[in-house]
Amino acid sequence: MGTREVAALRRAVEKLGGQAALARACGVKQGHVWHWLNKSGRVPGNHVLAIEAATDGAVTRYDLRPDIFCEPVTTAPEKDPVRKDLPTLASKAATSKDMLNGHILAQIIAVEARQHRALREAVLGHSGARDYLANLDAEIATLRSKLHI
């Protein structure tokens, strides 16, 4: 992660009042946030949307993981030499469909992360883990059925 991404993560920590608060927003322990800041230097992709929501958009997914989330296009099509030749209506339709799919895929990633933890708990023999895992499987199947491919 570059200095821009680390700075964005630090802004999120400051905005929320500390690493523990950011960890609660992401559903992880404070040690995970410390590790992102000091060791891995990268926020896992399945947590960036939670951080964006917790900071009310002050720290965006584009700031935290530009390698996953491309910056939204802010240039008007008539001023952008690449986009001026694209049909505007088709461009908007493709963009909205892609955005919807992107949001659904982000939800799937988040549920799959919870699924991984539940699977680990089931292997370790924690009570209730198998029922929770079955519920997560159903949630993932529902989300995948909503994808517009």
Protein backbone atom coordinates (compact mmCIF):
# COMPACT_ATOMS: atom_id res chain seq x y z
CA MET A 1 0.00 0.00 0.00
CA GLY A 2 1.35 3.40 -0.90
CA THR A 3 1.60 6.41 1.35
CA ARG A 4 -1.74 7.71 0.03
CA GLU A 5 -3.53 4.56 1.18
CA VAL A 6 -1.82 4.54 4.59
CA ALA A 7 -2.74 8.20 5.04
CA ALA A 8 -6.37 7.37 4.21
CA LEU A 9 -6.40 4.57 6.77
CA ARG A 10 -4.90 6.91 9.39
CA ARG A 11 -7.60 9.49 8.59
CA ALA A 12 -10.25 6.83 9.17
CA VAL A 13 -8.69 5.90 12.51
CA GLU A 14 -8.62 9.55 13.56
CA LYS A 15 -12.18 10.25 12.37
CA LEU A 16 -13.59 7.30 14.30
CA GLY A 17 -11.56 7.99 17.43
CA GLY A 18 -8.97 5.22 17.40
CA GLN A 19 -8.05 1.81 16.15
CA ALA A 20 -10.56 0.06 18.43
CA ALA A 21 -13.44 2.13 17.03
CA LEU A 22 -12.40 1.36 13.45
CA ALA A 23 -12.08 -2.31 14.35
CA ARG A 24 -15.65 -2.33 15.72
CA ALA A 25 -16.90 -0.72 12.52
CA CYS A 26 -15.23 -3.49 10.50
CA GLY A 27 -16.21 -6.33 12.82
CA VAL A 28 -12.61 -7.23 13.64
CA LYS A 29 -10.31 -6.87 16.63
CA GLN A 30 -8.12 -3.82 17.20
CA GLY A 31 -5.04 -5.91 16.47
CA HIS A 32 -6.19 -6.34 12.89
CA VAL A 33 -6.28 -2.57 12.36
CA TRP A 34 -2.84 -2.26 13.94
CA HIS A 35 -1.57 -4.95 11.56
CA TRP A 36 -3.03 -3.14 8.53
CA LEU A 37 -1.29 0.07 9.60
CA ASN A 38 2.05 -1.34 10.70
CA LYS A 39 2.68 -4.70 9.05
CA SER A 40 0.66 -5.51 5.94
CA GLY A 41 0.08 -1.90 4.97
CA ARG A 42 -3.18 -2.90 3.31
CA VAL A 43 -6.84 -2.97 4.28
CA PRO A 44 -8.45 -6.20 3.10
CA GLY A 45 -10.91 -5.52 0.30
CA ASN A 46 -13.87 -6.84 2.24
CA HIS A 47 -13.50 -4.08 4.88
CA VAL A 48 -13.18 -0.96 2.74
CA LEU A 49 -16.93 -0.47 2.27
CA ALA A 50 -17.47 -0.68 6.04
CA ILE A 51 -14.78 1.94 6.58
CA GLU A 52 -16.31 4.19 3.93
CA ALA A 53 -19.72 3.89 5.60
CA ALA A 54 -18.35 4.40 9.14
CA THR A 55 -16.54 7.59 8.12
CA ASP A 56 -19.62 8.88 6.26
CA GLY A 57 -17.63 8.93 3.03
CA ALA A 58 -14.74 11.00 4.41
CA VAL A 59 -12.46 8.05 3.60
CA THR A 60 -13.56 6.27 0.45
CA ARG A 61 -12.93 2.86 -1.04
CA TYR A 62 -10.98 4.66 -3.78
CA ASP A 63 -8.62 6.12 -1.16
CA LEU A 64 -8.11 2.83 0.67
CA ARG A 65 -7.80 0.37 -2.24
CA PRO A 66 -7.29 2.06 -5.61
CA ASP A 67 -5.98 -1.28 -6.89
CA ILE A 68 -9.48 -2.77 -6.47
CA PHE A 69 -11.79 0.23 -6.85
CA CYS A 70 -11.15 2.61 -9.74
CA GLU A 71 -11.80 6.30 -9.21
CA PRO A 72 -15.24 7.31 -10.52
CA VAL A 73 -15.17 9.31 -13.72
CA THR A 74 -15.78 12.98 -12.90
CA THR A 75 -14.97 14.53 -16.28
CA ALA A 76 -17.91 15.52 -18.46
CA PRO A 77 -18.06 13.27 -21.55
CA GLU A 78 -17.79 16.18 -23.99
CA LYS A 79 -14.53 17.35 -22.37
CA ASP A 80 -12.93 13.91 -22.15
CA PRO A 81 -11.39 12.89 -25.50
CA VAL A 82 -11.81 9.21 -24.69
CA ARG A 83 -15.45 9.36 -23.60
CA LYS A 84 -16.82 11.92 -26.06
CA ASP A 85 -17.26 9.27 -28.73
CA LEU A 86 -19.25 6.89 -26.52
CA PRO A 87 -23.01 6.96 -26.73
CA THR A 88 -24.12 8.62 -23.51
CA LEU A 89 -27.18 6.47 -22.90
CA ALA A 90 -25.34 3.18 -23.41
CA SER A 91 -22.52 4.44 -21.21
CA LYS A 92 -24.90 5.27 -18.37
CA ALA A 93 -26.70 1.93 -18.66
CA ALA A 94 -23.46 -0.03 -18.55
CA THR A 95 -22.18 2.05 -15.67
CA SER A 96 -25.29 1.57 -13.52
CA LYS A 97 -25.30 -2.17 -14.21
CA ASP A 98 -21.60 -2.40 -13.38
CA MET A 99 -22.10 -0.36 -10.22
CA LEU A 100 -24.95 -2.60 -9.08
CA ASN A 101 -22.87 -5.71 -9.75
CA GLY A 102 -19.94 -4.11 -7.92
CA HIS A 103 -22.05 -3.48 -4.83
CA ILE A 104 -23.45 -7.01 -4.89
CA LEU A 105 -19.97 -8.49 -5.31
CA ALA A 106 -18.71 -6.40 -2.38
CA GLN A 107 -21.54 -7.81 -0.25
CA ILE A 108 -20.63 -11.34 -1.35
CA ILE A 109 -17.00 -10.72 -0.35
CA ALA A 110 -18.10 -9.52 3.09
CA VAL A 111 -20.38 -12.53 3.63
CA GLU A 112 -17.68 -14.93 2.42
CA ALA A 113 -15.30 -13.45 5.00
CA ARG A 114 -17.87 -14.16 7.73
CA GLN A 115 -18.35 -17.60 6.19
CA HIS A 116 -14.62 -18.29 6.47
CA ARG A 117 -14.65 -17.38 10.16
CA ALA A 118 -17.73 -19.54 10.76
CA LEU A 119 -16.11 -22.47 8.98
CA ARG A 120 -13.03 -22.10 11.18
CA GLU A 121 -15.27 -22.07 14.27
CA ALA A 122 -17.11 -25.18 13.04
CA VAL A 123 -13.82 -27.00 12.55
CA LEU A 124 -12.80 -25.99 16.06
CA GLY A 125 -16.11 -27.35 17.38
CA HIS A 126 -17.82 -24.15 18.54
CA SER A 127 -21.53 -24.62 19.20
CA GLY A 128 -23.91 -23.05 16.72
CA ALA A 129 -21.24 -22.59 14.05
CA ARG A 130 -22.79 -25.09 11.64
CA ASP A 131 -26.20 -23.40 11.68
CA TYR A 132 -24.55 -20.02 11.21
CA LEU A 133 -22.55 -21.43 8.30
CA ALA A 134 -25.74 -22.77 6.66
CA ASN A 135 -27.35 -19.31 6.99
CA LEU A 136 -24.30 -17.67 5.39
CA ASP A 137 -24.40 -20.16 2.50
CA ALA A 138 -28.04 -19.22 1.87
CA GLU A 139 -27.21 -15.49 2.03
CA ILE A 140 -24.39 -15.90 -0.50
CA ALA A 141 -26.66 -17.87 -2.85
CA THR A 142 -29.30 -15.12 -2.63
CA LEU A 143 -26.75 -12.40 -3.40
CA ARG A 144 -25.34 -14.33 -6.35
CA SER A 145 -28.83 -14.74 -7.79
CA LYS A 146 -29.15 -10.92 -7.82
CA LEU A 147 -26.11 -10.42 -10.05
CA HIS A 148 -26.97 -9.02 -13.48
CA ILE A 149 -24.47 -10.71 -15.73
